[in-house]
Amino acid sequence: MRLFDSHCHPLSHIKKGQVESWLNEIKAVGVEGVIAIGTDLADWTEYRNLASAHPDFIHYTVGLHPGYVTEGWEETVAALSPYFADTRHPVALGEIGLDYYRLPEEPKEAAQIKEWQKGAFQQQLRLAYQFGCPIVIHSRHAFHDCVKMIDESRVDWKKVVFHCFTEGPECVNELNKRGGRASFTGVITYPNAPIVSAALKAQGLTRLMLETDAPYLTPQSKRGQENSSAYLGEIAEKAGEILNLPADEVAAVATLNTRQFFGI
């Protein structure tokens, strides 16, 4: 089975000195590449160095995740541009977007954080438009605001992926009609997430990308363990079941789609 993890966070493997054992483990199950997704200054350079050391297998992105947006976010966003001038440049800007899931209960506090998140998202969308690069979107309880801001940004929707999609078919159709797409995680293996499986089926195979979001969202059979790109095959198997197609075919097309989307 040909597999490509379009979204993972391998920082812990770097910190623990476990990169080689991690790579051996995931290559052994057919993974032929991963995208290490940036979230803040703390991981951008780590992932650039990792991609430089393994140029045929690891690729990386940079972006300020909405969960890390705080007062003074402008300085962090200003640090993004030099990475795109580097010889080993990112394959996308992300993950960026909006996350209203854990806003403070106090209304003024919540409004302030939403304002910061929207400011950081808008500025990063401007950078994406300037660079003409793919964009990886994080959207949690903020789908319609994210879509509206992307619409207003003039970025090319064909270069937009909503990662870890957890909305329903109607929302995935909103992305697809604009030219965008969703990617899917181990959430599709959870018995309590039929709406996500329905969204995958609504999007179909043509735009499909698969991801683990490791170390988060471990597939159903491995629940309770730390997630790994090595478990991507279970996600591909479930995607094949949902689409009524052979898992090998689904995995191969998702791999090709990932390579094409990120220009790899």
Protein backbone atom coordinates (compact mmCIF):
# COMPACT_ATOMS: atom_id res chain seq x y z
CA MET A 1 0.00 0.00 0.00
CA ARG A 2 1.35 3.42 -1.03
CA LEU A 3 0.87 5.91 1.79
CA PHE A 4 1.71 9.59 2.29
CA ASP A 5 0.94 11.32 5.58
CA SER A 6 -0.18 14.78 4.53
CA HIS A 7 -0.24 16.19 8.07
CA CYS A 8 1.72 15.19 11.17
CA HIS A 9 3.67 16.81 14.02
CA PRO A 10 6.90 14.85 14.66
CA LEU A 11 8.46 17.34 17.09
CA SER A 12 8.50 14.82 19.96
CA HIS A 13 10.60 12.40 17.88
CA ILE A 14 13.13 15.17 17.30
CA LYS A 15 13.22 16.16 20.98
CA LYS A 16 13.63 12.53 22.11
CA GLY A 17 16.31 11.72 19.52
CA GLN A 18 14.04 9.11 17.95
CA VAL A 19 13.93 10.32 14.34
CA GLU A 20 15.73 7.32 12.81
CA SER A 21 13.65 4.72 14.64
CA TRP A 22 10.46 6.63 13.75
CA LEU A 23 11.45 6.76 10.08
CA ASN A 24 12.29 3.05 10.01
CA GLU A 25 8.93 2.21 11.60
CA ILE A 26 6.80 4.21 9.20
CA LYS A 27 8.74 3.25 6.07
CA ALA A 28 8.27 -0.42 6.98
CA VAL A 29 4.48 -0.12 6.55
CA GLY A 30 4.61 1.63 3.17
CA VAL A 31 4.69 5.31 4.08
CA GLU A 32 6.67 7.04 1.33
CA GLY A 33 6.60 10.58 2.69
CA VAL A 34 5.28 12.92 5.37
CA ILE A 35 4.50 16.60 5.73
CA ALA A 36 5.71 18.00 9.08
CA ILE A 37 3.24 20.77 9.86
CA GLY A 38 4.44 23.94 11.57
CA THR A 39 2.41 25.59 14.31
CA ASP A 40 4.67 28.21 15.91
CA LEU A 41 8.24 29.49 16.06
CA ALA A 42 9.10 26.57 18.32
CA ASP A 43 8.89 24.02 15.50
CA TRP A 44 9.53 25.85 12.21
CA THR A 45 13.32 25.61 12.25
CA GLU A 46 13.21 22.09 13.71
CA TYR A 47 11.09 20.94 10.77
CA ARG A 48 13.21 22.79 8.22
CA ASN A 49 16.30 21.03 9.55
CA LEU A 50 14.50 17.68 9.56
CA ALA A 51 13.39 18.16 5.95
CA SER A 52 16.90 19.19 4.95
CA ALA A 53 18.32 16.01 6.48
CA HIS A 54 15.72 13.80 4.71
CA PRO A 55 14.88 15.72 1.51
CA ASP A 56 13.28 12.82 -0.37
CA PHE A 57 10.97 11.81 2.46
CA ILE A 58 10.15 14.72 4.78
CA HIS A 59 8.66 18.04 3.72
CA TYR A 60 7.54 20.84 6.01
CA THR A 61 5.27 23.85 6.42
CA VAL A 62 5.37 26.98 8.55
CA GLY A 63 2.43 28.85 10.04
CA LEU A 64 1.02 30.28 13.24
CA HIS A 65 -1.71 27.94 14.52
CA PRO A 66 -4.71 29.86 15.88
CA GLY A 67 -4.29 28.12 19.23
CA TYR A 68 -0.91 29.84 19.61
CA VAL A 69 -2.09 33.32 18.64
CA THR A 70 -1.59 35.74 21.54
CA GLU A 71 -0.97 39.44 22.00
CA GLY A 72 2.05 40.38 19.90
CA TRP A 73 1.29 37.79 17.21
CA GLU A 74 2.46 40.28 14.57
CA GLU A 75 6.11 39.63 15.43
CA THR A 76 5.71 35.89 14.97
CA VAL A 77 3.92 36.25 11.63
CA ALA A 78 6.65 38.63 10.45
CA ALA A 79 9.16 35.80 10.95
CA LEU A 80 7.45 33.59 8.34
CA SER A 81 8.65 35.22 5.13
CA PRO A 82 12.38 34.35 5.42
CA TYR A 83 11.54 30.64 5.37
CA PHE A 84 10.07 30.99 1.89
CA ALA A 85 13.33 32.54 0.68
CA ASP A 86 15.34 29.60 2.04
CA THR A 87 16.77 27.00 -0.35
CA ARG A 88 14.84 24.35 1.59
CA HIS A 89 11.58 26.29 1.60
CA PRO A 90 8.23 25.14 3.04
CA VAL A 91 5.76 23.32 0.78
CA ALA A 92 2.85 25.29 2.26
CA LEU A 93 1.79 27.94 4.72
CA GLY A 94 0.02 26.36 7.65
CA GLU A 95 -1.52 25.35 9.73
CA ILE A 96 -3.41 28.61 9.98
CA GLY A 97 -7.03 29.51 10.58
CA LEU A 98 -9.51 30.01 13.40
CA ASP A 99 -10.31 27.98 16.50
CA TYR A 100 -13.28 28.99 18.66
CA TYR A 101 -13.46 25.69 20.58
CA ARG A 102 -11.64 26.73 23.75
CA LEU A 103 -12.38 30.41 24.00
CA PRO A 104 -12.60 31.86 27.52
CA GLU A 105 -16.04 32.08 29.10
CA GLU A 106 -15.62 35.78 29.80
CA PRO A 107 -17.11 37.57 26.74
CA LYS A 108 -14.56 40.39 26.49
CA GLU A 109 -11.66 37.94 26.75
CA ALA A 110 -13.19 35.69 24.12
CA ALA A 111 -13.80 38.64 21.79
CA GLN A 112 -10.18 39.76 22.16
CA ILE A 113 -8.78 36.34 21.29
CA LYS A 114 -11.10 36.05 18.27
CA GLU A 115 -9.89 39.45 17.11
CA TRP A 116 -6.24 38.37 17.43
CA GLN A 117 -6.94 35.10 15.62
CA LYS A 118 -8.68 36.88 12.74
CA GLY A 119 -5.85 39.40 12.47
CA ALA A 120 -3.19 36.68 12.35
CA PHE A 121 -5.22 34.63 9.87
CA GLN A 122 -5.81 37.60 7.59
CA GLN A 123 -2.13 38.54 7.58
CA GLN A 124 -1.06 34.97 6.82
CA LEU A 125 -3.61 34.75 4.00
CA ARG A 126 -2.00 37.88 2.55
CA LEU A 127 1.37 36.14 2.68
CA ALA A 128 -0.09 33.05 1.02
CA TYR A 129 -1.50 35.21 -1.77
CA GLN A 130 1.88 36.92 -2.14
CA PHE A 131 3.81 33.63 -2.28
CA GLY A 132 1.21 31.73 -4.29
CA CYS A 133 1.71 28.73 -2.03
CA PRO A 134 -0.64 26.01 -0.79
CA ILE A 135 -2.45 26.68 2.49
CA VAL A 136 -3.28 24.24 5.29
CA ILE A 137 -6.33 25.39 7.24
CA HIS A 138 -7.15 24.64 10.87
CA SER A 139 -10.84 25.31 11.50
CA ARG A 140 -12.63 24.32 14.70
CA HIS A 141 -16.11 25.65 15.42
CA ALA A 142 -15.26 28.41 12.92
CA PHE A 143 -15.96 26.95 9.47
CA HIS A 144 -18.05 29.75 8.00
CA ASP A 145 -15.75 32.50 9.29
CA CYS A 146 -12.75 30.69 7.78
CA VAL A 147 -14.47 30.31 4.40
CA LYS A 148 -15.53 33.96 4.40
CA MET A 149 -12.00 35.18 5.14
CA ILE A 150 -10.49 32.95 2.46
CA ASP A 151 -13.08 34.19 -0.04
CA GLU A 152 -12.09 37.77 0.78
CA SER A 153 -8.35 37.07 0.57
CA ARG A 154 -8.24 36.35 -3.18
CA VAL A 155 -6.10 33.26 -2.62
CA ASP A 156 -6.55 30.42 -5.11
CA TRP A 157 -9.00 27.96 -3.58
CA LYS A 158 -7.34 25.15 -5.52
CA LYS A 159 -4.42 25.60 -3.13
CA VAL A 160 -6.55 25.33 0.03
CA VAL A 161 -7.00 22.22 2.18
CA PHE A 162 -9.05 22.09 5.39
CA HIS A 163 -7.13 19.56 7.43
CA CYS A 164 -8.69 17.12 9.94
CA PHE A 165 -12.12 17.74 8.46
CA THR A 166 -14.90 17.20 11.01
CA GLU A 167 -17.81 18.98 9.36
CA GLY A 168 -20.56 17.34 7.32
CA PRO A 169 -21.28 16.87 3.60
CA GLU A 170 -22.82 20.33 3.16
CA CYS A 171 -19.63 21.99 4.34
CA VAL A 172 -17.32 19.82 2.24
CA ASN A 173 -19.47 20.72 -0.76
CA GLU A 174 -18.88 24.41 0.03
CA LEU A 175 -15.13 23.79 -0.19
CA ASN A 176 -15.33 21.67 -3.32
CA LYS A 177 -17.48 24.08 -5.30
CA ARG A 178 -14.84 26.75 -4.67
CA GLY A 179 -12.04 24.43 -5.79
CA GLY A 180 -10.80 23.57 -2.31
CA ARG A 181 -10.65 20.26 -0.51
CA ALA A 182 -10.73 18.49 2.83
CA SER A 183 -8.31 15.95 4.24
CA PHE A 184 -9.32 13.22 6.67
CA THR A 185 -7.81 11.67 9.79
CA GLY A 186 -8.44 8.69 12.05
CA VAL A 187 -11.69 10.38 13.07
CA ILE A 188 -13.31 8.49 10.17
CA THR A 189 -12.61 5.25 12.08
CA TYR A 190 -14.57 6.39 15.16
CA PRO A 191 -18.05 4.90 15.56
CA ASN A 192 -19.41 8.23 16.84
CA ALA A 193 -18.37 10.24 13.77
CA PRO A 194 -20.72 9.22 10.93
CA ILE A 195 -21.00 12.83 9.74
CA VAL A 196 -17.27 12.87 8.94
CA SER A 197 -17.51 9.63 6.98
CA ALA A 198 -20.44 11.15 5.08
CA ALA A 199 -18.31 14.17 4.23
CA LEU A 200 -15.52 11.94 2.91
CA LYS A 201 -18.02 10.08 0.75
CA ALA A 202 -19.49 13.37 -0.51
CA GLN A 203 -16.05 14.63 -1.54
CA GLY A 204 -15.06 11.33 -3.12
CA LEU A 205 -11.72 10.05 -4.31
CA THR A 206 -10.69 12.76 -6.78
CA ARG A 207 -9.68 15.33 -4.14
CA LEU A 208 -8.97 12.94 -1.27
CA MET A 209 -5.96 13.43 1.01
CA LEU A 210 -5.29 11.36 4.13
CA GLU A 211 -3.44 12.33 7.30
CA THR A 212 -2.78 11.13 10.81
CA ASP A 213 -2.37 14.49 12.61
CA ALA A 214 0.01 12.44 14.77
CA PRO A 215 0.56 12.39 17.69
CA TYR A 216 -3.16 13.23 17.99
CA LEU A 217 -6.36 11.44 16.88
CA THR A 218 -5.15 7.86 16.99
CA PRO A 219 -7.30 5.50 14.84
CA GLN A 220 -9.93 3.39 16.62
CA SER A 221 -7.93 0.16 16.94
CA LYS A 222 -5.02 2.01 18.58
CA ARG A 223 -7.01 4.31 20.86
CA GLY A 224 -5.15 5.07 24.06
CA GLN A 225 -1.78 5.03 22.29
CA GLU A 226 0.15 7.96 20.84
CA ASN A 227 -0.71 8.32 17.18
CA SER A 228 1.90 7.68 14.48
CA SER A 229 2.22 7.95 10.72
CA ALA A 230 2.63 4.15 10.92
CA TYR A 231 -1.15 3.94 11.51
CA LEU A 232 -2.09 5.69 8.26
CA GLY A 233 -2.93 2.35 6.66
CA GLU A 234 -5.91 1.88 9.00
CA ILE A 235 -7.26 5.25 7.88
CA ALA A 236 -6.82 4.25 4.23
CA GLU A 237 -8.63 0.96 4.89
CA LYS A 238 -11.59 2.80 6.41
CA ALA A 239 -11.63 5.34 3.57
CA GLY A 240 -11.79 2.45 1.11
CA GLU A 241 -14.70 0.95 3.02
CA ILE A 242 -16.58 4.27 2.98
CA LEU A 243 -15.96 4.77 -0.74
CA ASN A 244 -16.55 1.08 -1.58
CA LEU A 245 -13.15 0.91 -3.25
CA PRO A 246 -10.01 -1.18 -2.65
CA ALA A 247 -7.85 0.35 0.08
CA ASP A 248 -4.75 0.10 -2.12
CA GLU A 249 -6.44 2.21 -4.80
CA VAL A 250 -7.61 4.80 -2.28
CA ALA A 251 -4.16 5.03 -0.70
CA ALA A 252 -2.44 5.37 -4.08
CA VAL A 253 -4.77 8.15 -5.28
CA ALA A 254 -4.53 9.99 -1.94
CA THR A 255 -0.74 9.79 -2.18
CA LEU A 256 -0.74 11.19 -5.71
CA ASN A 257 -3.18 13.94 -4.67
CA THR A 258 -0.93 14.90 -1.75
CA ARG A 259 2.15 15.09 -3.97
CA GLN A 260 0.32 17.20 -6.54
CA PHE A 261 -1.25 19.54 -3.98
CA PHE A 262 2.06 20.29 -2.26
CA GLY A 263 4.11 20.29 -5.48
CA ILE A 264 6.34 17.40 -4.40
